[in-house]
C-alpha cells in the first residue's frame, strides 16, 4: 500500500473545485474588479463561501461580486 502526499498552498487550492463556468466567471470578475448581477447566483455564492469573492448589494438593488486576494491568487495560479 502506497502513501499519497498532496502539497497544499496557503489557500488550500486542492480543496476548492470549481466548474468551468465558475472559473470563467471568477476570471472575468477578477479582470474587471467586480461583477454586477440582477440576482444572487448559487455558483457565485459558493465562491463567496470559499473566500474567493465578496458579495454586496449594489446601488440599484442588484448584487455585486468582487474578487478577494485569494480569488485573484487562485486565477493567477492557473495561468
Protein backbone atom coordinates (compact mmCIF):
# COMPACT_ATOMS: atom_id res chain seq x y z
CA UNK A 1 0.00 0.00 0.00
CA UNK A 2 1.47 3.37 -1.05
CA UNK A 3 1.27 6.74 0.61
CA UNK A 4 -0.33 9.66 -1.22
CA UNK A 5 1.11 13.09 -0.40
CA UNK A 6 -0.70 16.18 -1.56
CA UNK A 7 1.02 19.54 -1.20
CA UNK A 8 -1.36 22.34 -0.37
CA UNK A 9 -0.81 26.01 -0.99
CA UNK A 10 -1.65 28.71 1.54
CA UNK A 11 -5.23 28.94 0.33
CA UNK A 12 -5.77 25.18 0.06
CA UNK A 13 -6.46 25.25 -3.66
CA UNK A 14 -6.63 21.47 -3.63
CA UNK A 15 -9.79 21.75 -1.54
CA UNK A 16 -11.52 24.16 -3.92
CA UNK A 17 -13.01 22.59 -7.01
CA UNK A 18 -14.68 24.97 -9.46
CA UNK A 19 -16.72 24.17 -12.53
CA UNK A 20 -15.65 25.51 -15.90
CA UNK A 21 -18.38 28.18 -15.71
CA UNK A 22 -17.27 29.22 -12.22
CA UNK A 23 -13.70 29.60 -13.47
CA UNK A 24 -14.89 31.78 -16.36
CA UNK A 25 -16.99 33.93 -14.00
CA UNK A 26 -14.16 34.27 -11.48
CA UNK A 27 -11.66 35.18 -14.20
CA UNK A 28 -13.99 37.84 -15.64
CA UNK A 29 -14.78 39.31 -12.23
CA UNK A 30 -11.06 39.46 -11.39
CA UNK A 31 -10.33 41.11 -14.73
CA UNK A 32 -12.98 43.84 -14.26
CA UNK A 33 -12.63 44.08 -10.49
CA UNK A 34 -16.35 43.45 -9.97
CA UNK A 35 -19.39 41.74 -11.43
CA UNK A 36 -22.97 43.02 -11.22
CA UNK A 37 -25.91 40.60 -11.44
CA UNK A 38 -29.67 41.09 -11.23
CA UNK A 39 -29.97 38.36 -8.57
CA UNK A 40 -27.68 36.14 -6.47
CA UNK A 41 -26.35 33.05 -8.19
CA UNK A 42 -25.68 29.80 -6.35
CA UNK A 43 -22.42 29.21 -8.24
CA UNK A 44 -21.08 32.63 -7.25
CA UNK A 45 -22.34 32.31 -3.67
CA UNK A 46 -20.35 29.08 -3.42
CA UNK A 47 -17.21 31.06 -4.28
CA UNK A 48 -18.15 33.60 -1.59
CA UNK A 49 -18.25 30.73 0.93
CA UNK A 50 -14.83 29.57 -0.32
CA UNK A 51 -13.41 33.07 0.20
CA UNK A 52 -12.75 33.78 -3.49
CA UNK A 53 -15.38 36.54 -3.83
CA UNK A 54 -17.24 39.03 -1.66
CA UNK A 55 -20.92 39.83 -2.13
CA UNK A 56 -22.72 43.12 -1.54
CA UNK A 57 -25.87 44.93 -2.57
CA UNK A 58 -25.41 47.32 -5.48
CA UNK A 59 -26.93 50.80 -5.85
CA UNK A 60 -29.85 49.56 -7.94
CA UNK A 61 -30.83 46.58 -5.81
CA UNK A 62 -28.56 44.33 -7.81
CA UNK A 63 -25.90 42.00 -6.42
CA UNK A 64 -22.24 42.91 -6.81
CA UNK A 65 -19.48 40.34 -6.50
CA UNK A 66 -15.87 41.44 -6.06
CA UNK A 67 -12.73 39.28 -6.03
CA UNK A 68 -10.74 38.78 -2.84
CA UNK A 69 -6.97 38.48 -2.78
CA UNK A 70 -7.47 34.71 -2.54
CA UNK A 71 -9.66 34.80 -5.67
CA UNK A 72 -7.03 36.71 -7.62
CA UNK A 73 -4.33 34.34 -6.40
CA UNK A 74 -6.43 31.35 -7.46
CA UNK A 75 -6.77 32.70 -11.02
CA UNK A 76 -3.09 33.73 -11.19
CA UNK A 77 -2.02 30.23 -10.09
CA UNK A 78 -3.93 28.71 -13.02
CA UNK A 79 -2.20 30.83 -15.63
